[in-house]
Amino acid sequence: MDIKEIKQIKKALRDKIGRKMEETKVAMFPGVFKRIPNFVGIAEATRHLNELSEWRNAKI
């Protein structure tokens, strides 16, 4: 699999998740496409993310 195929797969997955977020009404302003989405429950999700050792140990 080359980088072009990987990018196509990633875009298809982002689009599928974005559509599902909009269909289920969890997407919030300003939307989910072409950005990191804002969604219902984001504060709780952030708290859970901060509990993951993988997140805390990430080097960014």
C-alpha atoms as a PDB file:
ATOM      1  CA  MET A   1       0.000   0.000   0.000  1.00  0.00           C
ATOM      2  CA  ASP A   2       1.447   3.371  -0.985  1.00  0.00           C
ATOM      3  CA  ILE A   3       0.954   6.786   0.637  1.00  0.00           C
ATOM      4  CA  LYS A   4      -1.718   7.793  -1.899  1.00  0.00           C
ATOM      5  CA  GLU A   5      -3.832   4.759  -1.001  1.00  0.00           C
ATOM      6  CA  ILE A   6      -3.374   5.413   2.716  1.00  0.00           C
ATOM      7  CA  LYS A   7      -4.529   9.029   2.291  1.00  0.00           C
ATOM      8  CA  GLN A   8      -7.599   7.879   0.333  1.00  0.00           C
ATOM      9  CA  ILE A   9      -8.502   5.373   3.045  1.00  0.00           C
ATOM     10  CA  LYS A  10      -8.040   7.970   5.793  1.00  0.00           C
ATOM     11  CA  LYS A  11     -10.236  10.478   3.934  1.00  0.00           C
ATOM     12  CA  ALA A  12     -12.954   7.882   3.355  1.00  0.00           C
ATOM     13  CA  LEU A  13     -12.920   6.987   7.049  1.00  0.00           C
ATOM     14  CA  ARG A  14     -13.030  10.660   8.157  1.00  0.00           C
ATOM     15  CA  ASP A  15     -15.938  11.298   5.770  1.00  0.00           C
ATOM     16  CA  LYS A  16     -17.837   8.228   7.002  1.00  0.00           C
ATOM     17  CA  ILE A  17     -17.390   9.223  10.652  1.00  0.00           C
ATOM     18  CA  GLY A  18     -18.297  12.844   9.894  1.00  0.00           C
ATOM     19  CA  ARG A  19     -21.519  11.842   8.167  1.00  0.00           C
ATOM     20  CA  LYS A  20     -22.419   9.552  11.064  1.00  0.00           C
ATOM     21  CA  MET A  21     -21.738  12.352  13.574  1.00  0.00           C
ATOM     22  CA  GLU A  22     -24.056  14.658  11.642  1.00  0.00           C
ATOM     23  CA  GLU A  23     -26.753  11.988  11.202  1.00  0.00           C
ATOM     24  CA  THR A  24     -26.800  11.214  14.927  1.00  0.00           C
ATOM     25  CA  LYS A  25     -26.762  14.921  15.851  1.00  0.00           C
ATOM     26  CA  VAL A  26     -23.585  14.769  17.938  1.00  0.00           C
ATOM     27  CA  ALA A  27     -21.690  17.174  15.659  1.00  0.00           C
ATOM     28  CA  MET A  28     -21.651  20.751  16.937  1.00  0.00           C
ATOM     29  CA  PHE A  29     -20.746  24.109  15.394  1.00  0.00           C
ATOM     30  CA  PRO A  30     -18.678  24.668  13.291  1.00  0.00           C
ATOM     31  CA  GLY A  31     -19.106  21.175  11.872  1.00  0.00           C
ATOM     32  CA  VAL A  32     -16.954  18.120  11.380  1.00  0.00           C
ATOM     33  CA  PHE A  33     -15.432  18.440   7.932  1.00  0.00           C
ATOM     34  CA  LYS A  34     -11.978  19.929   7.245  1.00  0.00           C
ATOM     35  CA  ARG A  35     -11.300  20.415  10.969  1.00  0.00           C
ATOM     36  CA  ILE A  36     -11.041  18.589  14.255  1.00  0.00           C
ATOM     37  CA  PRO A  37     -14.728  18.088  15.037  1.00  0.00           C
ATOM     38  CA  ASN A  38     -16.538  19.631  17.957  1.00  0.00           C
ATOM     39  CA  PHE A  39     -19.079  17.193  19.365  1.00  0.00           C
ATOM     40  CA  VAL A  40     -21.467  16.534  22.225  1.00  0.00           C
ATOM     41  CA  GLY A  41     -19.457  14.979  25.062  1.00  0.00           C
ATOM     42  CA  ILE A  42     -16.102  16.449  24.030  1.00  0.00           C
ATOM     43  CA  ALA A  43     -15.216  17.545  27.587  1.00  0.00           C
ATOM     44  CA  GLU A  44     -15.801  14.051  28.954  1.00  0.00           C
ATOM     45  CA  ALA A  45     -13.883  12.485  26.051  1.00  0.00           C
ATOM     46  CA  THR A  46     -10.968  14.823  26.780  1.00  0.00           C
ATOM     47  CA  ARG A  47     -10.906  13.756  30.430  1.00  0.00           C
ATOM     48  CA  HIS A  48     -10.807  10.102  29.378  1.00  0.00           C
ATOM     49  CA  LEU A  49      -8.073  10.787  26.831  1.00  0.00           C
ATOM     50  CA  ASN A  50      -5.941  12.434  29.502  1.00  0.00           C
ATOM     51  CA  GLU A  51      -6.181   9.230  31.560  1.00  0.00           C
ATOM     52  CA  LEU A  52      -4.537   7.125  28.838  1.00  0.00           C
ATOM     53  CA  SER A  53      -0.842   6.436  29.376  1.00  0.00           C
ATOM     54  CA  GLU A  54      -0.364   6.451  25.575  1.00  0.00           C
ATOM     55  CA  TRP A  55      -1.628  10.041  25.469  1.00  0.00           C
ATOM     56  CA  ARG A  56       0.407  11.188  28.472  1.00  0.00           C
ATOM     57  CA  ASN A  57       3.572   9.571  27.083  1.00  0.00           C
ATOM     58  CA  ALA A  58       3.172  10.863  23.518  1.00  0.00           C
ATOM     59  CA  LYS A  59       5.965  13.033  22.209  1.00  0.00           C
ATOM     60  CA  ILE A  60       4.499  15.771  20.051  1.00  0.00           C
END
